[in-house]
Amino acid sequence: MSTGLQLGEYAVTPLYNIKAVVQATSISPSTLRAWERRYNIASPQRSESGYRLYSERDITIIRWLKSQVDVGMSISQAVSWLSNLIREGGGLESATLPTAGSGAPLQDATSALPTNHREEVRDFKTIQKELIHALASYDDDAAEVAIAEAFSLYPIEQVGDKLFVPLLQEVGERRKRGELTITAEQFARNYLSQRLGTLLRSIPNGVNGLRFTPNGVKGVQIWVGSVYTGLSEACAPLLSIYLRRSGYYVNYLGQNLSTEEDAVKDLLYEAKRFQPAMILLTAATRATAEKIAQVTVQLNQYHSQPSIIAFGGPIYSRNPDLRASTIGVYVGTFAKEVVENIDGLLSARHRSDKKHGTRIEGDRSSASKRLQQL
């Protein structure tokens, strides 16, 4: 007797609006629209008022697909597996969808997918092209669909490193070539900044419960920010997101840090009060990196508290001269290397702090492994 989901047992009457589907499946409306648009995963009917209505079977299929994505499949692989199961089962009415404990492990499911289906996953260049077109057209809905599709196909860290950062660079280049207006560039940057801010706020801070025991401040605190150059960048919010997802307690200072002497002194004053383990400054452009170099000189001049001064971002990997002119520890560009480098730095600091009576509870050495599992 099968222990899976018998699709024929679920009603096909269209009764549920999109709000009910969202509540039942814990999938966002934008992600649902992206899946429908790309993969035709459901067949909602229209009510007399024009609203989309879903059946109990639709909801069951959507929930099953989400469960496969949650355990590591891409949505394209999950849909391909679903199609195979329906075909092999003789149609929707007789198909059975495996569930946890029903004898269909993930590795067997993915290895059984036809090669042509496994290659259907859309790459970042294609999604980037659609996203830029949507932003240049001031089309919020289309932009949200493109971003939702990216998140449904790839981990957050890959979307950040391979979509958001290159996209902002491309937006800047198009503006220089006259292919994008100033207003469109500002709209695109502000839209992505708000989107990243929403994502950052949705991630629990310090989820591993680490503490600085001397003053009771929650988490192994890391302050992340950048300096103001007139254009918003993705590096600071993205690195904040990566570090939160790996378990650190991150305070995002924004992208408007000043290079003025009084402002830098104020930053150090606050750092002495709250004792972050690290102050991480990020840059994606040369202009930002040059200003950060000024800030690090001042931080070094007035530095008299234990925070590690670090910097990172894509501009440094392409320009070794900027790394050489910046005082502090370079932690890298991409999610994995940044987390691993910060793990190492803070582990070394932990050993040093123990000698001085400052104890950080918890073990940070496995943070990068946890990041890969998220």
Protein backbone atom coordinates (compact mmCIF):
# COMPACT_ATOMS: atom_id res chain seq x y z
CA MET A 1 0.00 0.00 0.00
CA SER A 2 1.43 3.38 -0.99
CA THR A 3 2.22 5.91 1.72
CA GLY A 4 2.47 8.85 -0.68
CA LEU A 5 -0.05 11.46 -1.78
CA GLN A 6 -2.75 9.97 -4.03
CA LEU A 7 -3.62 12.89 -6.29
CA GLY A 8 -6.90 11.29 -7.34
CA GLU A 9 -8.17 11.61 -3.79
CA TYR A 10 -8.00 15.42 -3.81
CA ALA A 11 -10.89 17.55 -5.07
CA VAL A 12 -10.48 19.52 -8.28
CA THR A 13 -13.22 22.06 -7.59
CA PRO A 14 -11.74 25.60 -7.75
CA LEU A 15 -12.57 27.11 -4.35
CA TYR A 16 -9.45 28.76 -2.91
CA ASN A 17 -8.13 32.23 -3.72
CA ILE A 18 -4.42 33.04 -3.79
CA LYS A 19 -4.43 34.23 -0.16
CA ALA A 20 -5.70 30.83 0.97
CA VAL A 21 -3.03 29.10 -1.14
CA VAL A 22 -0.30 31.25 0.41
CA GLN A 23 -1.53 30.42 3.91
CA ALA A 24 -1.76 26.71 3.13
CA THR A 25 1.63 26.36 1.44
CA SER A 26 3.79 29.10 3.04
CA ILE A 27 4.88 30.20 -0.42
CA SER A 28 4.87 33.87 -1.35
CA PRO A 29 2.45 35.16 -4.02
CA SER A 30 5.35 36.35 -6.20
CA THR A 31 7.07 32.95 -6.05
CA LEU A 32 3.80 31.21 -6.87
CA ARG A 33 3.27 33.46 -9.89
CA ALA A 34 6.84 32.81 -11.03
CA TRP A 35 6.37 29.04 -10.78
CA GLU A 36 3.07 29.20 -12.64
CA ARG A 37 4.51 31.42 -15.35
CA ARG A 38 7.60 29.29 -15.92
CA TYR A 39 6.41 25.77 -15.16
CA ASN A 40 2.56 25.74 -15.36
CA ILE A 41 2.42 23.98 -12.01
CA ALA A 42 -1.29 24.65 -11.40
CA SER A 43 -4.46 25.29 -13.38
CA PRO A 44 -6.35 27.99 -11.48
CA GLN A 45 -9.80 28.92 -12.78
CA ARG A 46 -11.22 32.44 -12.90
CA SER A 47 -14.15 33.44 -10.73
CA GLU A 48 -16.91 35.68 -12.08
CA SER A 49 -15.04 38.58 -10.51
CA GLY A 50 -11.84 37.63 -12.29
CA TYR A 51 -9.98 36.20 -9.27
CA ARG A 52 -7.86 33.07 -9.67
CA LEU A 53 -9.26 30.09 -7.78
CA TYR A 54 -7.30 26.94 -6.94
CA SER A 55 -8.44 23.42 -6.15
CA GLU A 56 -7.44 21.18 -3.26
CA ARG A 57 -5.34 19.18 -5.74
CA ASP A 58 -3.56 22.35 -6.89
CA ILE A 59 -2.68 23.18 -3.29
CA THR A 60 -1.42 19.65 -2.65
CA ILE A 61 0.86 19.78 -5.69
CA ILE A 62 2.21 23.23 -4.79
CA ARG A 63 2.88 22.14 -1.21
CA TRP A 64 4.66 19.00 -2.44
CA LEU A 65 6.86 21.02 -4.82
CA LYS A 66 7.80 23.41 -2.04
CA SER A 67 8.77 20.50 0.20
CA GLN A 68 11.18 19.25 -2.49
CA VAL A 69 12.73 22.71 -2.84
CA ASP A 70 13.06 22.95 0.94
CA VAL A 71 15.20 19.81 1.06
CA GLY A 72 17.57 20.91 -1.70
CA MET A 73 16.02 20.40 -5.14
CA SER A 74 15.78 23.23 -7.61
CA ILE A 75 12.20 23.98 -8.65
CA SER A 76 12.95 22.80 -12.20
CA GLN A 77 14.12 19.43 -10.89
CA ALA A 78 11.05 19.12 -8.67
CA VAL A 79 8.72 19.93 -11.58
CA SER A 80 10.53 17.44 -13.82
CA TRP A 81 10.18 14.76 -11.16
CA LEU A 82 6.49 15.62 -10.79
CA SER A 83 5.99 15.26 -14.56
CA ASN A 84 7.72 11.88 -14.54
CA LEU A 85 5.59 10.66 -11.63
CA ILE A 86 2.38 11.75 -13.35
CA ARG A 87 3.41 10.15 -16.64
CA GLU A 88 4.55 6.90 -15.02
CA GLY A 89 1.42 6.83 -12.87
CA GLY A 90 -0.86 7.06 -15.88
CA GLY A 91 -2.07 10.62 -15.31
CA LEU A 92 -3.05 12.96 -12.49
CA GLU A 93 -5.94 10.79 -11.28
CA SER A 94 -3.75 7.79 -10.59
CA ALA A 95 -0.39 9.41 -9.76
CA THR A 96 1.18 9.10 -6.32
CA LEU A 97 3.64 11.69 -4.99
CA PRO A 98 6.28 10.31 -2.59
CA THR A 99 6.48 11.92 0.84
CA ALA A 100 9.04 11.74 3.65
CA GLY A 101 9.48 8.13 4.66
CA SER A 102 7.75 6.75 1.56
CA GLY A 103 10.92 5.23 0.14
CA ALA A 104 11.94 7.82 -2.46
CA PRO A 105 15.14 9.53 -1.26
CA LEU A 106 16.17 12.82 -2.79
CA GLN A 107 19.30 11.51 -4.44
CA ASP A 108 17.31 8.80 -6.24
CA ALA A 109 14.77 11.35 -7.43
CA THR A 110 17.32 13.78 -8.87
CA SER A 111 19.47 11.11 -10.48
CA ALA A 112 16.38 9.70 -12.22
CA LEU A 113 15.61 12.97 -13.99
CA PRO A 114 16.13 13.01 -17.75
CA THR A 115 19.21 14.97 -18.86
CA ASN A 116 17.15 17.39 -20.96
CA HIS A 117 15.07 18.28 -17.90
CA ARG A 118 18.11 18.78 -15.68
CA GLU A 119 19.44 21.34 -18.16
CA GLU A 120 16.26 23.42 -18.14
CA VAL A 121 17.34 25.57 -15.20
CA ARG A 122 17.60 29.14 -16.41
CA ASP A 123 20.94 30.82 -15.85
CA PHE A 124 21.59 34.11 -14.11
CA LYS A 125 22.31 36.00 -17.34
CA THR A 126 18.82 35.26 -18.62
CA ILE A 127 17.15 36.28 -15.36
CA GLN A 128 19.37 39.38 -15.15
CA LYS A 129 18.33 40.44 -18.66
CA GLU A 130 14.65 40.14 -17.72
CA LEU A 131 15.17 41.95 -14.42
CA ILE A 132 17.00 44.86 -16.02
CA HIS A 133 14.26 45.16 -18.64
CA ALA A 134 11.61 45.20 -15.90
CA LEU A 135 13.44 47.84 -13.87
CA ALA A 136 14.13 49.99 -16.93
CA SER A 137 10.39 49.85 -17.64
CA TYR A 138 9.49 50.73 -14.02
CA ASP A 139 7.61 47.44 -13.82
CA ASP A 140 7.65 46.40 -10.14
CA ASP A 141 5.53 43.30 -10.71
CA ALA A 142 7.77 41.92 -13.47
CA ALA A 143 10.85 42.66 -11.39
CA GLU A 144 9.37 40.81 -8.43
CA VAL A 145 8.54 37.81 -10.62
CA ALA A 146 12.14 37.66 -11.91
CA ILE A 147 13.60 37.90 -8.40
CA ALA A 148 11.15 35.33 -7.05
CA GLU A 149 12.15 32.94 -9.82
CA ALA A 150 15.84 33.42 -8.98
CA PHE A 151 15.21 32.66 -5.32
CA SER A 152 13.15 29.61 -6.25
CA LEU A 153 15.96 28.23 -8.42
CA TYR A 154 19.09 29.12 -6.45
CA PRO A 155 20.29 29.66 -2.85
CA ILE A 156 20.26 33.23 -1.52
CA GLU A 157 24.07 33.40 -1.57
CA GLN A 158 24.22 32.55 -5.28
CA VAL A 159 21.46 35.03 -6.12
CA GLY A 160 23.41 37.73 -4.32
CA ASP A 161 26.82 36.94 -5.78
CA LYS A 162 25.70 36.09 -9.32
CA LEU A 163 22.62 38.24 -9.87
CA PHE A 164 22.39 41.31 -7.65
CA VAL A 165 26.05 42.41 -7.66
CA PRO A 166 26.58 41.93 -11.43
CA LEU A 167 23.18 43.50 -12.12
CA LEU A 168 24.06 46.72 -10.30
CA GLN A 169 27.37 46.83 -12.14
CA GLU A 170 25.53 46.40 -15.45
CA VAL A 171 23.03 49.10 -14.51
CA GLY A 172 25.92 51.50 -13.90
CA GLU A 173 27.61 50.58 -17.18
CA ARG A 174 24.39 51.07 -19.15
CA ARG A 175 23.93 54.47 -17.58
CA LYS A 176 27.47 55.47 -18.64
CA ARG A 177 26.79 54.28 -22.20
CA GLY A 178 23.58 56.29 -22.33
CA GLU A 179 21.42 53.17 -22.55
CA LEU A 180 19.71 53.92 -19.25
CA THR A 181 18.49 57.25 -17.91
CA ILE A 182 19.56 58.67 -14.57
CA THR A 183 16.03 58.26 -13.25
CA ALA A 184 15.85 54.62 -14.35
CA GLU A 185 19.20 53.89 -12.70
CA GLN A 186 18.04 55.46 -9.45
CA PHE A 187 14.80 53.49 -9.58
CA ALA A 188 16.67 50.22 -10.16
CA ARG A 189 19.13 50.83 -7.34
CA ASN A 190 16.45 51.93 -4.89
CA TYR A 191 14.22 48.98 -5.79
CA LEU A 192 16.99 46.45 -5.17
CA SER A 193 18.08 48.24 -2.00
CA GLN A 194 14.56 48.00 -0.61
CA ARG A 195 14.29 44.35 -1.67
CA LEU A 196 17.53 43.46 0.08
CA GLY A 197 16.46 45.41 3.17
CA THR A 198 13.26 43.40 3.35
CA LEU A 199 15.20 40.16 3.02
CA LEU A 200 17.70 41.19 5.70
CA ARG A 201 14.94 42.05 8.17
CA SER A 202 13.32 38.66 7.60
CA ILE A 203 16.40 36.75 8.82
CA PRO A 204 16.69 36.15 12.59
CA ASN A 205 19.69 37.86 14.15
CA GLY A 206 22.16 35.78 16.13
CA VAL A 207 20.12 32.61 15.75
CA ASN A 208 22.77 30.49 17.43
CA GLY A 209 22.40 32.42 20.69
CA LEU A 210 26.05 33.44 20.98
CA ARG A 211 26.88 36.09 23.59
CA PHE A 212 29.53 38.54 24.65
CA THR A 213 29.57 37.87 28.40
CA PRO A 214 31.15 41.14 29.65
CA ASN A 215 28.27 43.41 28.65
CA GLY A 216 25.47 41.03 27.71
CA VAL A 217 25.20 42.28 24.11
CA LYS A 218 23.39 39.68 22.02
CA GLY A 219 25.45 37.65 19.62
CA VAL A 220 28.94 37.81 18.23
CA GLN A 221 28.28 41.26 16.89
CA ILE A 222 29.51 42.36 13.49
CA TRP A 223 28.85 45.85 12.21
CA VAL A 224 28.57 46.10 8.43
CA GLY A 225 28.38 49.27 6.39
CA SER A 226 29.74 51.36 3.55
CA VAL A 227 30.44 55.00 2.82
CA TYR A 228 28.28 57.36 0.81
CA THR A 229 29.29 57.93 -2.82
CA GLY A 230 25.92 58.91 -4.29
CA LEU A 231 24.97 55.43 -5.51
CA SER A 232 23.59 52.51 -3.53
CA GLU A 233 25.53 49.23 -3.69
CA ALA A 234 24.53 45.68 -2.85
CA CYS A 235 27.67 44.53 -1.04
CA ALA A 236 26.92 45.74 2.49
CA PRO A 237 23.34 44.40 2.73
CA LEU A 238 24.33 41.15 0.98
CA LEU A 239 27.23 40.45 3.32
CA SER A 240 24.92 41.28 6.24
CA ILE A 241 22.46 38.71 4.90
CA TYR A 242 25.15 36.05 4.44
CA LEU A 243 26.52 36.56 7.95
CA ARG A 244 23.09 36.49 9.58
CA ARG A 245 22.28 33.28 7.75
CA SER A 246 25.49 31.76 9.13
CA GLY A 247 24.47 32.66 12.70
CA TYR A 248 26.20 35.96 13.45
CA TYR A 249 24.49 38.88 15.11
CA VAL A 250 24.81 41.62 12.48
CA ASN A 251 24.06 45.31 12.76
CA TYR A 252 23.71 46.85 9.30
CA LEU A 253 24.90 50.46 9.50
CA GLY A 254 23.76 51.37 5.99
CA GLN A 255 25.66 52.87 3.08
CA ASN A 256 25.93 56.44 4.28
CA LEU A 257 28.91 56.33 6.64
CA SER A 258 30.79 59.60 6.53
CA THR A 259 34.52 60.08 6.05
CA GLU A 260 34.46 63.23 8.18
CA GLU A 261 36.76 63.04 11.19
CA ASP A 262 34.00 63.69 13.73
CA ALA A 263 31.83 60.96 12.19
CA VAL A 264 34.67 58.41 12.34
CA LYS A 265 35.36 59.32 15.97
CA ASP A 266 31.67 58.85 16.69
CA LEU A 267 31.76 55.39 15.06
CA LEU A 268 34.67 54.42 17.29
CA TYR A 269 32.92 55.82 20.36
CA GLU A 270 29.90 53.65 19.69
CA ALA A 271 32.11 50.66 18.97
CA LYS A 272 33.75 51.07 22.39
CA ARG A 273 30.32 51.12 24.02
CA PHE A 274 28.89 48.06 22.28
CA GLN A 275 32.08 46.13 21.48
CA PRO A 276 31.32 44.54 18.10
CA ALA A 277 33.79 41.79 17.29
CA MET A 278 34.29 43.30 13.84
CA ILE A 279 33.58 46.44 11.82
CA LEU A 280 33.25 45.33 8.19
CA LEU A 281 33.30 47.96 5.43
CA THR A 282 32.32 47.00 1.88
CA ALA A 283 32.79 48.39 -1.61
CA ALA A 284 31.78 47.49 -5.15
CA THR A 285 33.28 50.50 -6.93
CA ARG A 286 36.64 52.26 -6.88
CA ALA A 287 35.11 55.50 -5.61
CA THR A 288 33.67 53.69 -2.59
CA ALA A 289 36.89 51.76 -1.95
CA GLU A 290 38.97 54.94 -2.00
CA LYS A 291 36.72 56.52 0.60
CA ILE A 292 36.85 53.39 2.72
CA ALA A 293 40.65 53.60 2.59
CA GLN A 294 40.35 57.11 4.12
CA VAL A 295 38.08 55.80 6.86
CA THR A 296 40.44 52.92 7.72
CA VAL A 297 43.35 55.34 8.05
CA GLN A 298 41.34 57.35 10.56
CA LEU A 299 40.11 54.24 12.35
CA ASN A 300 43.70 53.08 12.70
CA GLN A 301 44.77 56.51 13.96
CA TYR A 302 42.13 56.66 16.68
CA HIS A 303 41.64 52.93 17.18
CA SER A 304 41.84 51.97 20.86
CA GLN A 305 39.16 49.27 21.16
CA PRO A 306 39.24 45.55 20.31
CA SER A 307 37.06 45.42 17.15
CA ILE A 308 38.70 43.90 14.09
CA ILE A 309 38.62 46.35 11.18
CA ALA A 310 37.86 44.43 7.98
CA PHE A 311 36.89 45.20 4.40
CA GLY A 312 35.59 43.29 1.40
CA GLY A 313 33.75 43.47 -1.91
CA PRO A 314 34.23 42.71 -5.61
CA ILE A 315 36.29 45.83 -6.39
CA TYR A 316 39.15 44.56 -4.20
CA SER A 317 39.49 41.24 -6.01
CA ARG A 318 39.99 43.11 -9.29
CA ASN A 319 42.27 45.82 -7.90
CA PRO A 320 45.09 44.65 -5.60
CA ASP A 321 46.26 48.26 -5.25
CA LEU A 322 43.08 49.10 -3.37
CA ARG A 323 43.68 46.25 -0.94
CA ALA A 324 47.22 47.50 -0.37
CA SER A 325 46.06 51.06 0.37
CA THR A 326 43.37 50.01 2.84
CA ILE A 327 44.26 49.41 6.47
CA GLY A 328 42.56 46.35 7.92
CA VAL A 329 41.90 42.71 7.08
CA TYR A 330 40.61 41.80 3.63
CA VAL A 331 37.90 39.12 4.03
CA GLY A 332 37.01 38.48 0.39
CA THR A 333 34.15 39.04 -2.04
CA PHE A 334 31.83 36.07 -2.22
CA ALA A 335 29.59 34.56 0.43
CA LYS A 336 31.52 31.37 1.18
CA GLU A 337 34.99 32.94 1.38
CA VAL A 338 33.78 35.89 3.47
CA VAL A 339 32.13 33.64 6.05
CA GLU A 340 35.11 31.27 6.16
CA ASN A 341 37.59 34.13 6.59
CA ILE A 342 35.52 35.78 9.29
CA ASP A 343 35.19 32.42 11.05
CA GLY A 344 38.97 32.16 11.12
CA LEU A 345 39.50 35.73 12.31
CA LEU A 346 36.97 35.48 15.11
CA SER A 347 38.19 32.06 16.18
CA ALA A 348 41.67 33.55 16.56
CA ARG A 349 40.20 36.53 18.42
CA HIS A 350 38.25 34.15 20.67
CA ARG A 351 41.46 32.40 21.69
CA SER A 352 43.10 35.76 22.36
CA ASP A 353 40.12 37.09 24.32
CA LYS A 354 40.12 34.06 26.60
CA LYS A 355 43.57 35.10 27.78
CA HIS A 356 42.18 38.51 28.72
CA GLY A 357 39.04 37.29 30.41
CA THR A 358 36.63 38.07 27.57
CA ARG A 359 34.71 34.97 26.60
CA ILE A 360 32.52 34.42 23.56
CA GLU A 361 30.14 31.55 24.16
CA GLY A 362 29.60 29.08 21.37
CA ASP A 363 31.62 27.68 18.53
CA ARG A 364 31.98 29.72 15.33
CA SER A 365 34.20 27.23 13.51
CA SER A 366 31.23 25.51 11.84
CA ALA A 367 29.45 28.66 10.65
CA SER A 368 30.52 28.29 7.05
CA LYS A 369 29.26 24.69 7.04
CA ARG A 370 25.90 25.86 8.37
CA LEU A 371 25.76 28.50 5.63
CA GLN A 372 26.18 25.83 2.96
CA GLN A 373 23.33 23.84 4.52
CA LEU A 374 20.87 26.75 4.57
